[in-house]
Amino acid sequence: MAPPLPHSSGPSAVGRRKRRRSTKAPKNKEEIENQRMTHITVERNRRKQMNQYLSVLRSLMPPSYAQRGDQESIIGGSINFVKELEQRLQWLSGQKELKEERPKFDDFFTSPQYSTPIGDIEVNVNETHANLKIRWKRRPSLLFRLVSGLNAMRLTILHLNVTTAALIVLYSLTLKVEDDCKLTTGDGIASAVNQLLCRIEDDDGDDAMFNSFNSILP
């Protein structure tokens, strides 16, 4: 008689066994509520701190930079305010350097008709010729605009000498006063040149100022 077969432990037997499942105890309602309240408290504190920062930031600049109290307006206004302060600082630094350079060229003038923080102008007229001396703050295209303006006044440049030092430029010009020129005195020429240079100083690069230049002539 054949021996009995051993008990099978194959897949069918394993499938009949109960699988153990790792179960995680669900959070109770109290724990969930505590976490929710903690999150709300943290967010409330964050917003409160941000509002405090914005309030301090707004108090440091003029009201015109942040007329509305929202975050976008305050941050945008503060950026514009800082940019303007930087520009103002650069301008003041330039004025300081310009003031320090001016005494080095005091002998350049005898009796200037115009003497301002940004420059000096002196004109001497001898019959149909004029000697023009200018000390001015250096800036791009200043000479080109000056020459264009003098031509518009009917003052022809016979000789030009340019000297630069740091932020200052010195112009020494010999001019011929043309017959149709409306400027006949040193004071008149100095006044017109001063207005021309001031317009150049304030101009934003638009050449349209030369189209209306005749308006400053006497």
N, C-alpha and C. Protein backbone atom coordinates (compact mmCIF):
# COMPACT_ATOMS: atom_id res chain seq x y z
N MET A 1 0.85 -1.19 0.00
CA MET A 1 0.00 0.00 0.00
C MET A 1 0.88 1.23 0.00
N ALA A 2 0.58 2.21 -0.85
CA ALA A 2 1.42 3.42 -0.98
C ALA A 2 1.28 4.30 0.23
N PRO A 3 2.41 4.96 0.63
CA PRO A 3 2.37 5.87 1.80
C PRO A 3 1.52 7.09 1.51
N PRO A 4 0.91 7.69 2.53
CA PRO A 4 0.07 8.87 2.32
C PRO A 4 0.91 10.07 1.86
N LEU A 5 0.32 10.95 1.00
CA LEU A 5 1.02 12.14 0.52
C LEU A 5 1.14 13.18 1.64
N PRO A 6 2.28 13.91 1.65
CA PRO A 6 2.43 14.96 2.69
C PRO A 6 1.43 16.09 2.47
N HIS A 7 1.15 16.83 3.58
CA HIS A 7 0.18 17.94 3.51
C HIS A 7 0.75 19.05 2.65
N SER A 8 -0.01 19.51 1.69
CA SER A 8 0.46 20.54 0.76
C SER A 8 0.44 21.90 1.43
N SER A 9 1.55 22.64 1.20
CA SER A 9 1.64 24.04 1.71
C SER A 9 1.80 25.01 0.56
N GLY A 10 1.23 24.71 -0.59
CA GLY A 10 1.35 25.54 -1.80
C GLY A 10 0.52 26.79 -1.73
N PRO A 11 0.39 27.44 -2.87
CA PRO A 11 -0.32 28.73 -2.94
C PRO A 11 -1.73 28.66 -2.46
N SER A 12 -2.38 27.50 -2.71
CA SER A 12 -3.78 27.40 -2.29
C SER A 12 -3.91 27.44 -0.79
N ALA A 13 -2.90 26.84 -0.11
CA ALA A 13 -2.94 26.84 1.35
C ALA A 13 -2.65 28.22 1.89
N VAL A 14 -1.68 28.92 1.22
CA VAL A 14 -1.33 30.28 1.70
C VAL A 14 -2.49 31.21 1.51
N GLY A 15 -3.22 30.98 0.38
CA GLY A 15 -4.35 31.86 0.11
C GLY A 15 -5.43 31.73 1.13
N ARG A 16 -5.48 30.55 1.80
CA ARG A 16 -6.52 30.37 2.80
C ARG A 16 -6.17 31.01 4.13
N ARG A 17 -4.89 31.34 4.27
CA ARG A 17 -4.50 31.96 5.53
C ARG A 17 -4.96 33.42 5.56
N LYS A 18 -5.26 33.88 6.69
CA LYS A 18 -5.66 35.27 6.86
C LYS A 18 -4.42 36.16 6.87
N ARG A 19 -4.44 37.17 6.00
CA ARG A 19 -3.33 38.11 5.95
C ARG A 19 -3.45 39.15 7.06
N ARG A 20 -2.30 39.41 7.63
CA ARG A 20 -2.28 40.43 8.67
C ARG A 20 -2.12 41.81 8.03
N ARG A 21 -2.98 42.69 8.36
CA ARG A 21 -2.93 44.05 7.84
C ARG A 21 -2.51 45.02 8.94
N SER A 22 -1.54 45.93 8.51
CA SER A 22 -1.10 46.95 9.48
C SER A 22 -2.12 48.07 9.47
N THR A 23 -2.79 48.20 10.47
CA THR A 23 -3.83 49.24 10.57
C THR A 23 -3.33 50.37 11.45
N LYS A 24 -3.62 51.62 11.00
CA LYS A 24 -3.24 52.81 11.75
C LYS A 24 -4.50 53.42 12.36
N ALA A 25 -4.38 53.64 13.61
CA ALA A 25 -5.55 54.16 14.31
C ALA A 25 -5.90 55.54 13.77
N PRO A 26 -7.10 55.77 13.38
CA PRO A 26 -7.48 57.08 12.85
C PRO A 26 -7.40 58.15 13.92
N LYS A 27 -7.07 59.40 13.43
CA LYS A 27 -6.99 60.51 14.38
C LYS A 27 -8.38 60.81 14.91
N ASN A 28 -8.40 61.08 16.17
CA ASN A 28 -9.69 61.44 16.73
C ASN A 28 -10.02 62.90 16.40
N LYS A 29 -11.21 63.27 16.61
CA LYS A 29 -11.68 64.61 16.23
C LYS A 29 -10.95 65.71 16.99
N GLU A 30 -10.60 65.44 18.23
CA GLU A 30 -9.94 66.46 19.04
C GLU A 30 -8.55 66.78 18.48
N GLU A 31 -7.82 65.75 18.06
CA GLU A 31 -6.49 65.97 17.50
C GLU A 31 -6.56 66.74 16.19
N ILE A 32 -7.52 66.40 15.34
CA ILE A 32 -7.69 67.11 14.07
C ILE A 32 -8.03 68.58 14.30
N GLU A 33 -8.90 68.81 15.28
CA GLU A 33 -9.30 70.19 15.58
C GLU A 33 -8.13 70.99 16.13
N ASN A 34 -7.28 70.37 16.95
CA ASN A 34 -6.10 71.05 17.49
C ASN A 34 -5.13 71.45 16.38
N GLN A 35 -4.92 70.55 15.43
CA GLN A 35 -4.03 70.87 14.32
C GLN A 35 -4.59 72.00 13.48
N ARG A 36 -5.88 71.99 13.27
CA ARG A 36 -6.49 73.06 12.49
C ARG A 36 -6.36 74.41 13.19
N MET A 37 -6.59 74.43 14.48
CA MET A 37 -6.47 75.67 15.24
C MET A 37 -5.03 76.17 15.28
N THR A 38 -4.08 75.24 15.36
CA THR A 38 -2.67 75.62 15.36
C THR A 38 -2.29 76.28 14.04
N HIS A 39 -2.77 75.70 12.95
CA HIS A 39 -2.49 76.27 11.63
C HIS A 39 -3.10 77.66 11.50
N ILE A 40 -4.31 77.84 11.99
CA ILE A 40 -4.97 79.14 11.92
C ILE A 40 -4.21 80.17 12.74
N THR A 41 -3.73 79.76 13.92
CA THR A 41 -2.99 80.68 14.79
C THR A 41 -1.67 81.11 14.15
N VAL A 42 -0.96 80.16 13.56
CA VAL A 42 0.31 80.47 12.90
C VAL A 42 0.09 81.44 11.74
N GLU A 43 -0.92 81.20 10.95
CA GLU A 43 -1.21 82.06 9.81
C GLU A 43 -1.63 83.45 10.26
N ARG A 44 -2.44 83.51 11.34
CA ARG A 44 -2.86 84.80 11.87
C ARG A 44 -1.66 85.61 12.36
N ASN A 45 -0.74 84.95 13.06
CA ASN A 45 0.46 85.63 13.56
C ASN A 45 1.35 86.11 12.42
N ARG A 46 1.43 85.29 11.36
CA ARG A 46 2.25 85.68 10.21
C ARG A 46 1.70 86.93 9.54
N ARG A 47 0.37 86.98 9.38
CA ARG A 47 -0.24 88.14 8.76
C ARG A 47 -0.11 89.37 9.64
N LYS A 48 -0.24 89.16 10.95
CA LYS A 48 -0.10 90.28 11.88
C LYS A 48 1.30 90.86 11.81
N GLN A 49 2.31 90.01 11.77
CA GLN A 49 3.69 90.47 11.68
C GLN A 49 3.95 91.18 10.35
N MET A 50 3.40 90.64 9.26
CA MET A 50 3.56 91.28 7.95
C MET A 50 2.92 92.66 7.94
N ASN A 51 1.74 92.79 8.54
CA ASN A 51 1.08 94.10 8.60
C ASN A 51 1.89 95.10 9.42
N GLN A 52 2.54 94.61 10.47
CA GLN A 52 3.39 95.49 11.27
C GLN A 52 4.58 95.98 10.45
N TYR A 53 5.19 95.07 9.69
CA TYR A 53 6.31 95.46 8.83
C TYR A 53 5.87 96.49 7.79
N LEU A 54 4.71 96.25 7.19
CA LEU A 54 4.21 97.18 6.18
C LEU A 54 3.89 98.53 6.77
N SER A 55 3.37 98.53 7.99
CA SER A 55 3.06 99.79 8.65
C SER A 55 4.32 100.60 8.92
N VAL A 56 5.37 99.93 9.37
CA VAL A 56 6.64 100.61 9.61
C VAL A 56 7.22 101.14 8.30
N LEU A 57 7.16 100.30 7.27
CA LEU A 57 7.68 100.69 5.96
C LEU A 57 6.95 101.91 5.41
N ARG A 58 5.64 101.93 5.59
CA ARG A 58 4.85 103.05 5.09
C ARG A 58 5.15 104.33 5.85
N SER A 59 5.46 104.20 7.14
CA SER A 59 5.75 105.39 7.95
C SER A 59 7.09 106.03 7.60
N LEU A 60 7.95 105.30 6.87
CA LEU A 60 9.29 105.81 6.55
C LEU A 60 9.33 106.61 5.25
N MET A 61 8.22 106.68 4.52
CA MET A 61 8.23 107.40 3.25
C MET A 61 7.06 108.37 3.20
N PRO A 62 7.14 109.38 2.32
CA PRO A 62 6.06 110.36 2.19
C PRO A 62 4.75 109.68 1.80
N PRO A 63 3.62 110.23 2.24
CA PRO A 63 2.31 109.61 1.95
C PRO A 63 2.03 109.46 0.46
N SER A 64 2.61 110.34 -0.38
CA SER A 64 2.31 110.29 -1.81
C SER A 64 2.82 109.01 -2.47
N TYR A 65 3.74 108.31 -1.83
CA TYR A 65 4.30 107.09 -2.42
C TYR A 65 3.44 105.86 -2.14
N ALA A 66 2.55 105.95 -1.19
CA ALA A 66 1.67 104.81 -0.89
C ALA A 66 0.33 105.36 -0.42
N GLN A 67 -0.46 105.85 -1.37
CA GLN A 67 -1.75 106.45 -1.03
C GLN A 67 -2.76 105.41 -0.57
N ARG A 68 -2.61 104.18 -1.06
CA ARG A 68 -3.45 103.09 -0.59
C ARG A 68 -2.67 102.25 0.42
N GLY A 69 -3.41 101.60 1.30
CA GLY A 69 -2.75 100.85 2.37
C GLY A 69 -2.53 99.39 2.08
N ASP A 70 -2.76 98.95 0.85
CA ASP A 70 -2.59 97.53 0.56
C ASP A 70 -1.11 97.21 0.37
N GLN A 71 -0.80 95.93 0.46
CA GLN A 71 0.59 95.46 0.42
C GLN A 71 1.28 95.84 -0.89
N GLU A 72 0.60 95.66 -2.00
CA GLU A 72 1.22 95.95 -3.30
C GLU A 72 1.59 97.42 -3.44
N SER A 73 0.71 98.31 -2.97
CA SER A 73 0.98 99.74 -3.07
C SER A 73 2.14 100.16 -2.19
N ILE A 74 2.20 99.61 -0.98
CA ILE A 74 3.27 99.99 -0.05
C ILE A 74 4.62 99.51 -0.56
N ILE A 75 4.69 98.27 -1.00
CA ILE A 75 5.96 97.74 -1.49
C ILE A 75 6.39 98.45 -2.77
N GLY A 76 5.44 98.67 -3.69
CA GLY A 76 5.78 99.39 -4.91
C GLY A 76 6.22 100.82 -4.64
N GLY A 77 5.53 101.49 -3.70
CA GLY A 77 5.90 102.85 -3.35
C GLY A 77 7.27 102.93 -2.70
N SER A 78 7.60 101.95 -1.86
CA SER A 78 8.90 101.96 -1.20
C SER A 78 10.03 101.76 -2.20
N ILE A 79 9.79 100.94 -3.22
CA ILE A 79 10.81 100.74 -4.26
C ILE A 79 11.06 102.04 -5.01
N ASN A 80 9.99 102.73 -5.38
CA ASN A 80 10.14 104.01 -6.08
C ASN A 80 10.81 105.06 -5.20
N PHE A 81 10.50 105.05 -3.90
CA PHE A 81 11.10 106.00 -2.97
C PHE A 81 12.60 105.77 -2.84
N VAL A 82 13.01 104.51 -2.75
CA VAL A 82 14.44 104.19 -2.65
C VAL A 82 15.17 104.59 -3.93
N LYS A 83 14.56 104.36 -5.08
CA LYS A 83 15.19 104.76 -6.34
C LYS A 83 15.39 106.27 -6.39
N GLU A 84 14.38 107.02 -5.93
CA GLU A 84 14.51 108.48 -5.94
C GLU A 84 15.59 108.93 -4.96
N LEU A 85 15.70 108.27 -3.81
CA LEU A 85 16.75 108.61 -2.86
C LEU A 85 18.13 108.35 -3.46
N GLU A 86 18.27 107.26 -4.20
CA GLU A 86 19.55 106.96 -4.84
C GLU A 86 19.90 108.03 -5.87
N GLN A 87 18.92 108.46 -6.65
CA GLN A 87 19.17 109.50 -7.63
C GLN A 87 19.55 110.82 -6.94
N ARG A 88 18.86 111.10 -5.85
CA ARG A 88 19.17 112.33 -5.10
C ARG A 88 20.57 112.27 -4.52
N LEU A 89 20.98 111.11 -4.03
CA LEU A 89 22.32 110.94 -3.47
C LEU A 89 23.37 111.14 -4.55
N GLN A 90 23.13 110.58 -5.74
CA GLN A 90 24.07 110.75 -6.84
C GLN A 90 24.19 112.22 -7.22
N TRP A 91 23.05 112.92 -7.25
CA TRP A 91 23.07 114.34 -7.60
C TRP A 91 23.85 115.14 -6.57
N LEU A 92 23.62 114.88 -5.29
CA LEU A 92 24.32 115.60 -4.24
C LEU A 92 25.82 115.31 -4.27
N SER A 93 26.17 114.05 -4.56
CA SER A 93 27.59 113.70 -4.65
C SER A 93 28.25 114.45 -5.80
N GLY A 94 27.52 114.54 -6.92
CA GLY A 94 28.05 115.27 -8.06
C GLY A 94 28.21 116.75 -7.76
N GLN A 95 27.24 117.33 -7.05
CA GLN A 95 27.33 118.74 -6.68
C GLN A 95 28.50 119.00 -5.74
N LYS A 96 28.75 118.06 -4.84
CA LYS A 96 29.87 118.20 -3.92
C LYS A 96 31.20 118.18 -4.67
N GLU A 97 31.35 117.22 -5.59
CA GLU A 97 32.58 117.13 -6.36
C GLU A 97 32.74 118.36 -7.25
N LEU A 98 31.62 118.83 -7.82
CA LEU A 98 31.67 120.02 -8.66
C LEU A 98 32.12 121.24 -7.86
N LYS A 99 31.62 121.36 -6.65
CA LYS A 99 31.99 122.49 -5.79
C LYS A 99 33.46 122.42 -5.41
N GLU A 100 33.97 121.22 -5.21
CA GLU A 100 35.38 121.06 -4.85
C GLU A 100 36.30 121.36 -6.02
N GLU A 101 35.81 121.15 -7.25
CA GLU A 101 36.64 121.39 -8.43
C GLU A 101 36.65 122.86 -8.84
N ARG A 102 35.62 123.61 -8.52
CA ARG A 102 35.48 124.98 -9.02
C ARG A 102 36.64 125.89 -8.63
N PRO A 103 37.14 125.88 -7.39
CA PRO A 103 38.22 126.81 -7.03
C PRO A 103 39.49 126.62 -7.85
N LYS A 104 39.69 125.46 -8.47
CA LYS A 104 40.91 125.20 -9.23
C LYS A 104 40.96 126.05 -10.50
N PHE A 105 39.80 126.59 -10.95
CA PHE A 105 39.76 127.32 -12.21
C PHE A 105 39.24 128.74 -12.02
N ASP A 106 39.48 129.30 -10.85
CA ASP A 106 39.00 130.66 -10.60
C ASP A 106 39.70 131.67 -11.50
N ASP A 107 40.94 131.39 -11.89
CA ASP A 107 41.68 132.33 -12.73
C ASP A 107 41.19 132.31 -14.18
N PHE A 108 40.32 131.37 -14.51
CA PHE A 108 39.82 131.24 -15.87
C PHE A 108 38.92 132.41 -16.24
N PHE A 109 38.29 133.02 -15.22
CA PHE A 109 37.35 134.11 -15.45
C PHE A 109 37.88 135.42 -14.87
N THR A 110 37.42 136.50 -15.48
CA THR A 110 37.73 137.83 -14.96
C THR A 110 36.54 138.39 -14.20
N SER A 111 35.42 138.50 -14.90
CA SER A 111 34.18 138.97 -14.26
C SER A 111 32.99 138.32 -14.97
N PRO A 112 32.66 137.08 -14.60
CA PRO A 112 31.56 136.37 -15.27
C PRO A 112 30.22 137.05 -15.04
N GLN A 113 29.40 137.10 -16.11
CA GLN A 113 28.05 137.65 -15.99
C GLN A 113 27.14 136.71 -15.21
N TYR A 114 27.42 135.42 -15.30
CA TYR A 114 26.60 134.42 -14.59
C TYR A 114 27.53 133.49 -13.82
N SER A 115 27.20 133.31 -12.55
CA SER A 115 27.95 132.39 -11.70
C SER A 115 26.95 131.63 -10.83
N THR A 116 26.79 130.34 -11.11
CA THR A 116 25.82 129.50 -10.42
C THR A 116 26.51 128.25 -9.89
N PRO A 117 25.82 127.47 -9.05
CA PRO A 117 26.44 126.23 -8.55
C PRO A 117 26.83 125.24 -9.64
N ILE A 118 26.18 125.32 -10.81
CA ILE A 118 26.51 124.35 -11.85
C ILE A 118 27.39 124.93 -12.95
N GLY A 119 27.69 126.24 -12.92
CA GLY A 119 28.55 126.76 -13.96
C GLY A 119 28.67 128.27 -13.95
N ASP A 120 29.62 128.75 -14.79
CA ASP A 120 29.87 130.18 -14.93
C ASP A 120 29.95 130.53 -16.41
N ILE A 121 29.58 131.77 -16.74
CA ILE A 121 29.59 132.24 -18.12
C ILE A 121 30.14 133.67 -18.13
N GLU A 122 31.08 133.88 -19.04
CA GLU A 122 31.66 135.22 -19.21
C GLU A 122 31.78 135.53 -20.69
N VAL A 123 31.33 136.73 -21.09
CA VAL A 123 31.39 137.14 -22.50
C VAL A 123 31.98 138.55 -22.58
N ASN A 124 32.94 138.71 -23.48
CA ASN A 124 33.51 140.02 -23.78
C ASN A 124 33.37 140.26 -25.28
N VAL A 125 32.78 141.41 -25.64
CA VAL A 125 32.51 141.72 -27.05
C VAL A 125 33.46 142.82 -27.51
N ASN A 126 34.02 142.61 -28.69
CA ASN A 126 34.88 143.62 -29.33
C ASN A 126 34.42 143.76 -30.77
N GLU A 127 33.61 144.80 -31.01
CA GLU A 127 33.03 145.07 -32.32
C GLU A 127 32.25 143.84 -32.81
N THR A 128 32.72 143.17 -33.83
CA THR A 128 31.97 142.05 -34.40
C THR A 128 32.46 140.69 -33.90
N HIS A 129 33.25 140.68 -32.86
CA HIS A 129 33.76 139.44 -32.31
C HIS A 129 33.46 139.37 -30.81
N ALA A 130 33.36 138.15 -30.31
CA ALA A 130 33.06 137.94 -28.89
C ALA A 130 33.90 136.78 -28.37
N ASN A 131 34.40 136.94 -27.17
CA ASN A 131 35.10 135.87 -26.48
C ASN A 131 34.17 135.29 -25.41
N LEU A 132 33.89 134.03 -25.53
CA LEU A 132 32.95 133.35 -24.63
C LEU A 132 33.69 132.30 -23.81
N LYS A 133 33.54 132.39 -22.50
CA LYS A 133 34.14 131.41 -21.59
C LYS A 133 33.02 130.74 -20.78
N ILE A 134 33.08 129.44 -20.71
CA ILE A 134 32.04 128.68 -20.01
C ILE A 134 32.70 127.64 -19.13
N ARG A 135 32.25 127.58 -17.91
CA ARG A 135 32.60 126.47 -17.01
C ARG A 135 31.28 125.79 -16.63
N TRP A 136 31.16 124.51 -16.96
CA TRP A 136 29.87 123.84 -16.78
C TRP A 136 30.09 122.39 -16.35
N LYS A 137 29.03 121.81 -15.86
CA LYS A 137 29.06 120.40 -15.49
C LYS A 137 29.09 119.54 -16.74
N ARG A 138 29.98 118.56 -16.76
CA ARG A 138 30.09 117.68 -17.92
C ARG A 138 28.84 116.82 -18.06
N ARG A 139 28.42 116.65 -19.32
CA ARG A 139 27.30 115.77 -19.61
C ARG A 139 27.37 115.40 -21.09
N PRO A 140 26.82 114.24 -21.46
CA PRO A 140 26.88 113.80 -22.85
C PRO A 140 26.22 114.80 -23.80
N SER A 141 26.83 114.98 -24.95
CA SER A 141 26.32 115.81 -26.04
C SER A 141 26.21 117.29 -25.70
N LEU A 142 26.85 117.73 -24.61
CA LEU A 142 26.78 119.14 -24.24
C LEU A 142 27.40 120.02 -25.32
N LEU A 143 28.57 119.64 -25.82
CA LEU A 143 29.24 120.46 -26.82
C LEU A 143 28.41 120.54 -28.10
N PHE A 144 27.88 119.42 -28.53
CA PHE A 144 27.06 119.41 -29.76
C PHE A 144 25.87 120.35 -29.62
N ARG A 145 25.21 120.30 -28.50
CA ARG A 145 24.04 121.15 -28.29
C ARG A 145 24.43 122.62 -28.15
N LEU A 146 25.59 122.86 -27.53
CA LEU A 146 26.06 124.24 -27.40
C LEU A 146 26.36 124.83 -28.77
N VAL A 147 27.07 124.08 -29.61
CA VAL A 147 27.39 124.56 -30.96
C VAL A 147 26.11 124.81 -31.76
N SER A 148 25.16 123.90 -31.67
CA SER A 148 23.90 124.06 -32.39
C SER A 148 23.16 125.32 -31.92
N GLY A 149 23.19 125.55 -30.62
CA GLY A 149 22.51 126.73 -30.08
C GLY A 149 23.18 128.02 -30.51
N LEU A 150 24.51 128.04 -30.51
CA LEU A 150 25.24 129.24 -30.95
C LEU A 150 24.97 129.53 -32.42
N ASN A 151 24.92 128.50 -33.23
CA ASN A 151 24.60 128.70 -34.65
C ASN A 151 23.20 129.28 -34.82
N ALA A 152 22.26 128.82 -33.97
CA ALA A 152 20.90 129.35 -34.04
C ALA A 152 20.87 130.82 -33.66
N MET A 153 21.80 131.26 -32.81
CA MET A 153 21.88 132.68 -32.43
C MET A 153 22.60 133.53 -33.47
N ARG A 154 23.14 132.87 -34.48
CA ARG A 154 23.94 133.53 -35.52
C ARG A 154 25.27 134.01 -34.94
N LEU A 155 25.85 133.15 -34.11
CA LEU A 155 27.19 133.35 -33.58
C LEU A 155 28.07 132.24 -34.15
N THR A 156 29.00 132.63 -35.03
CA THR A 156 29.84 131.65 -35.73
C THR A 156 31.11 131.39 -34.92
N ILE A 157 31.42 130.13 -34.71
CA ILE A 157 32.60 129.76 -33.92
C ILE A 157 33.84 129.83 -34.81
N LEU A 158 34.78 130.69 -34.42
CA LEU A 158 36.05 130.80 -35.13
C LEU A 158 37.14 129.97 -34.47
N HIS A 159 37.05 129.85 -33.17
CA HIS A 159 38.06 129.07 -32.44
C HIS A 159 37.40 128.47 -31.20
N LEU A 160 37.80 127.23 -30.91
CA LEU A 160 37.23 126.54 -29.76
C LEU A 160 38.32 125.77 -29.03
N ASN A 161 38.37 125.95 -27.72
CA ASN A 161 39.31 125.20 -26.89
C ASN A 161 38.52 124.54 -25.74
N VAL A 162 38.76 123.26 -25.53
CA VAL A 162 38.02 122.50 -24.52
C VAL A 162 39.01 121.91 -23.52
N THR A 163 38.69 122.09 -22.23
CA THR A 163 39.49 121.51 -21.16
C THR A 163 38.55 120.80 -20.20
N THR A 164 38.88 119.57 -19.85
CA THR A 164 38.04 118.81 -18.93
C THR A 164 38.82 118.47 -17.67
N ALA A 165 38.10 118.42 -16.57
CA ALA A 165 38.69 118.06 -15.29
C ALA A 165 37.60 117.48 -14.41
N ALA A 166 37.73 116.18 -14.11
CA ALA A 166 36.74 115.50 -13.26
C ALA A 166 35.34 115.71 -13.84
N LEU A 167 34.47 116.41 -13.09
CA LEU A 167 33.10 116.61 -13.53
C LEU A 167 32.88 117.93 -14.24
N ILE A 168 33.95 118.68 -14.47
CA ILE A 168 33.83 120.03 -15.04
C ILE A 168 34.43 120.06 -16.43
N VAL A 169 33.82 120.87 -17.30
CA VAL A 169 34.37 121.13 -18.62
C VAL A 169 34.48 122.64 -18.80
N LEU A 170 35.58 123.07 -19.39
CA LEU A 170 35.82 124.49 -19.66
C LEU A 170 35.83 124.70 -21.17
N TYR A 171 35.03 125.67 -21.63
CA TYR A 171 34.99 126.03 -23.04
C TYR A 171 35.50 127.47 -23.19
N SER A 172 36.42 127.65 -24.11
CA SER A 172 36.88 128.98 -24.47
C SER A 172 36.65 129.15 -25.97
N LEU A 173 35.76 130.07 -26.34
CA LEU A 173 35.35 130.21 -27.74
C LEU A 173 35.57 131.64 -28.22
N THR A 174 36.03 131.73 -29.44
CA THR A 174 36.07 133.01 -30.15
C THR A 174 34.95 132.99 -31.18
N LEU A 175 34.05 133.96 -31.10
CA LEU A 175 32.86 133.96 -31.93
C LEU A 175 32.83 135.19 -32.84
N LYS A 176 32.25 135.02 -34.00
CA LYS A 176 31.96 136.14 -34.89
C LYS A 176 30.47 136.45 -34.80
N VAL A 177 30.17 137.68 -34.47
CA VAL A 177 28.78 138.10 -34.38
C VAL A 177 28.32 138.48 -35.79
N GLU A 178 27.48 137.66 -36.39
CA GLU A 178 27.03 137.90 -37.75
C GLU A 178 26.13 139.14 -37.83
N ASP A 179 26.02 139.68 -39.05
CA ASP A 179 25.26 140.93 -39.23
C ASP A 179 23.80 140.78 -38.82
N ASP A 180 23.24 139.60 -39.04
CA ASP A 180 21.81 139.41 -38.70
C ASP A 180 21.62 138.87 -37.29
N CYS A 181 22.67 138.88 -36.48
CA CYS A 181 22.54 138.42 -35.09
C CYS A 181 21.82 139.48 -34.26
N LYS A 182 20.89 139.06 -33.45
CA LYS A 182 20.12 139.99 -32.62
C LYS A 182 20.81 140.30 -31.30
N LEU A 183 21.93 139.63 -31.04
CA LEU A 183 22.66 139.83 -29.78
C LEU A 183 23.88 140.70 -30.06
N THR A 184 23.95 141.85 -29.43
CA THR A 184 25.03 142.80 -29.74
C THR A 184 25.88 143.15 -28.52
N THR A 185 25.47 142.72 -27.33
CA THR A 185 26.21 143.06 -26.12
C THR A 185 26.68 141.79 -25.42
N GLY A 186 27.70 141.95 -24.56
CA GLY A 186 28.18 140.81 -23.80
C GLY A 186 27.13 140.26 -22.87
N ASP A 187 26.39 141.15 -22.23
CA ASP A 187 25.34 140.68 -21.31
C ASP A 187 24.24 139.95 -22.06
N GLY A 188 23.91 140.44 -23.25
CA GLY A 188 22.86 139.77 -24.03
C GLY A 188 23.27 138.38 -24.47
N ILE A 189 24.51 138.26 -24.94
CA ILE A 189 25.00 136.94 -25.34
C ILE A 189 25.09 136.01 -24.14
N ALA A 190 25.59 136.52 -23.01
CA ALA A 190 25.71 135.70 -21.80
C ALA A 190 24.35 135.21 -21.33
N SER A 191 23.34 136.09 -21.40
CA SER A 191 22.00 135.70 -20.98
C SER A 191 21.45 134.59 -21.87
N ALA A 192 21.62 134.73 -23.19
CA ALA A 192 21.11 133.72 -24.11
C ALA A 192 21.83 132.39 -23.93
N VAL A 193 23.16 132.44 -23.73
CA VAL A 193 23.93 131.21 -23.52
C VAL A 193 23.53 130.54 -22.22
N ASN A 194 23.30 131.35 -21.19
CA ASN A 194 22.88 130.78 -19.91
C ASN A 194 21.54 130.06 -20.04
N GLN A 195 20.59 130.66 -20.75
CA GLN A 195 19.29 130.02 -20.95
C GLN A 195 19.44 128.74 -21.77
N LEU A 196 20.34 128.78 -22.77
CA LEU A 196 20.59 127.59 -23.58
C LEU A 196 21.14 126.45 -22.72
N LEU A 197 22.13 126.74 -21.90
CA LEU A 197 22.75 125.71 -21.08
C LEU A 197 21.79 125.17 -20.02
N CYS A 198 20.97 126.05 -19.47
CA CYS A 198 19.98 125.59 -18.48
C CYS A 198 18.95 124.67 -19.13
N ARG A 199 18.57 125.00 -20.36
CA ARG A 199 17.63 124.13 -21.06
C ARG A 199 18.28 122.78 -21.37
N ILE A 200 19.54 122.81 -21.76
CA ILE A 200 20.24 121.55 -22.00
C ILE A 200 20.32 120.73 -20.72
N GLU A 201 20.58 121.40 -19.61
CA GLU A 201 20.69 120.71 -18.32
C GLU A 201 19.39 120.03 -17.94
N ASP A 202 18.28 120.69 -18.23
CA ASP A 202 16.98 120.16 -17.85
C ASP A 202 16.36 119.27 -18.92
N ASP A 203 16.95 119.30 -20.10
CA ASP A 203 16.33 118.58 -21.22
C ASP A 203 16.47 117.07 -21.02
N ASP A 204 15.48 116.33 -21.49
CA ASP A 204 15.48 114.87 -21.37
C ASP A 204 16.00 114.19 -22.62
N GLY A 205 16.63 114.95 -23.50
CA GLY A 205 17.18 114.36 -24.71
C GLY A 205 16.39 114.67 -25.96
N ASP A 206 15.33 115.44 -25.80
CA ASP A 206 14.49 115.77 -26.96
C ASP A 206 15.09 116.97 -27.67
N ASP A 207 15.44 116.83 -28.93
CA ASP A 207 16.05 117.92 -29.69
C ASP A 207 15.05 119.00 -30.06
N ALA A 208 13.80 118.83 -29.62
CA ALA A 208 12.80 119.83 -29.97
C ALA A 208 13.09 121.19 -29.38
N MET A 209 13.96 121.25 -28.37
CA MET A 209 14.23 122.55 -27.75
C MET A 209 14.92 123.49 -28.73
N PHE A 210 15.66 122.94 -29.69
CA PHE A 210 16.32 123.79 -30.65
C PHE A 210 15.34 124.42 -31.63
N ASN A 211 14.21 123.76 -31.83
CA ASN A 211 13.20 124.30 -32.73
C ASN A 211 12.55 125.56 -32.17
N SER A 212 12.53 125.65 -30.83
CA SER A 212 11.92 126.82 -30.21
C SER A 212 12.96 127.74 -29.59
N PHE A 213 14.21 127.63 -30.04
CA PHE A 213 15.29 128.38 -29.39
C PHE A 213 15.16 129.89 -29.64
N ASN A 214 14.60 130.26 -30.78
CA ASN A 214 14.49 131.68 -31.09
C ASN A 214 13.67 132.44 -30.05
N SER A 215 12.90 131.71 -29.24
CA SER A 215 12.04 132.38 -28.26
C SER A 215 12.84 133.03 -27.15
N ILE A 216 14.11 132.62 -26.98
CA ILE A 216 14.90 133.21 -25.89
C ILE A 216 15.73 134.38 -26.39
N LEU A 217 15.71 134.63 -27.70
CA LEU A 217 16.47 135.75 -28.22
C LEU A 217 15.72 137.05 -27.97
N PRO A 218 16.44 138.14 -27.70
CA PRO A 218 15.76 139.43 -27.45
C PRO A 218 15.12 139.98 -28.70
